[in-house]
Amino acid sequence: MQRRGGPIEVISPGGRVFFEPGEEHLHGAARNRLMTHLTMLEVDAEGNAATWGEHVTYAEYGQQLG
């Protein structure tokens, strides 16, 4: 996973990550690994659970976010 402007971080099996509300980030599996994504979050006053960003291409995923 990677937070915008931060280094790429490897999440080990059983690992967990916390993102602050509004913190831009991406995550995914390596080509030779599987990943399960479980999210627990609160909704805002309007009932919105999350603001999803644009999907990232395979080429972009290999690069660091600026």
Protein backbone atom coordinates (compact mmCIF):
# COMPACT_ATOMS: atom_id res chain seq x y z
CA MET A 1 0.00 0.00 0.00
CA GLN A 2 1.04 3.59 -0.35
CA ARG A 3 -0.13 6.88 1.09
CA ARG A 4 0.11 9.87 -1.26
CA GLY A 5 3.65 11.25 -1.01
CA GLY A 6 4.86 8.29 1.06
CA PRO A 7 6.94 5.21 0.38
CA ILE A 8 5.48 1.90 -0.81
CA GLU A 9 4.77 -0.28 2.25
CA VAL A 10 4.42 -4.08 2.19
CA ILE A 11 1.55 -5.52 4.22
CA SER A 12 2.26 -9.02 5.54
CA PRO A 13 -0.37 -11.76 5.87
CA GLY A 14 -2.68 -10.87 8.74
CA GLY A 15 -1.47 -7.28 8.68
CA ARG A 16 -3.76 -4.31 9.00
CA VAL A 17 -3.56 -0.69 8.00
CA PHE A 18 -5.32 2.44 9.24
CA PHE A 19 -5.95 5.47 7.03
CA GLU A 20 -7.14 8.82 8.33
CA PRO A 21 -10.39 10.14 6.85
CA GLY A 22 -9.59 11.82 3.55
CA GLU A 23 -6.09 10.31 3.38
CA GLU A 24 -5.41 9.43 -0.27
CA HIS A 25 -3.90 5.96 -0.70
CA LEU A 26 -3.82 2.88 -2.90
CA HIS A 27 -3.41 -0.82 -2.26
CA GLY A 28 -3.33 -4.07 -4.17
CA ALA A 29 -1.61 -7.42 -4.51
CA ALA A 30 1.69 -8.26 -6.15
CA ARG A 31 1.48 -10.24 -9.41
CA ASN A 32 2.25 -13.52 -7.58
CA ARG A 33 0.05 -12.91 -4.51
CA LEU A 34 -3.62 -12.76 -3.59
CA MET A 35 -5.16 -10.03 -1.48
CA THR A 36 -8.39 -9.81 0.47
CA HIS A 37 -9.61 -6.30 1.23
CA LEU A 38 -11.86 -5.83 4.26
CA THR A 39 -12.90 -2.30 5.14
CA MET A 40 -14.55 -0.99 8.26
CA LEU A 41 -15.55 2.66 8.17
CA GLU A 42 -18.00 5.19 9.48
CA VAL A 43 -20.39 7.19 7.33
CA ASP A 44 -20.46 10.99 7.30
CA ALA A 45 -23.47 13.17 8.13
CA GLU A 46 -24.81 12.70 4.58
CA GLY A 47 -24.47 8.90 4.73
CA ASN A 48 -21.40 8.68 2.48
CA ALA A 49 -19.15 5.78 3.44
CA ALA A 50 -16.13 6.59 1.26
CA THR A 51 -14.91 8.76 -1.58
CA TRP A 52 -13.36 6.45 -4.15
CA GLY A 53 -10.55 7.78 -6.32
CA GLU A 54 -9.78 6.87 -9.89
CA HIS A 55 -8.73 3.30 -10.62
CA VAL A 56 -4.99 2.86 -11.02
CA THR A 57 -3.50 1.08 -14.05
CA TYR A 58 -0.92 -1.70 -13.67
CA ALA A 59 1.76 0.70 -14.93
CA GLU A 60 0.76 3.38 -12.42
CA TYR A 61 0.64 0.86 -9.57
CA GLY A 62 4.34 0.14 -10.11
CA GLN A 63 5.20 3.82 -9.64
CA GLN A 64 5.22 5.86 -6.44
CA LEU A 65 2.45 8.39 -5.92
CA GLY A 66 3.69 11.98 -6.01
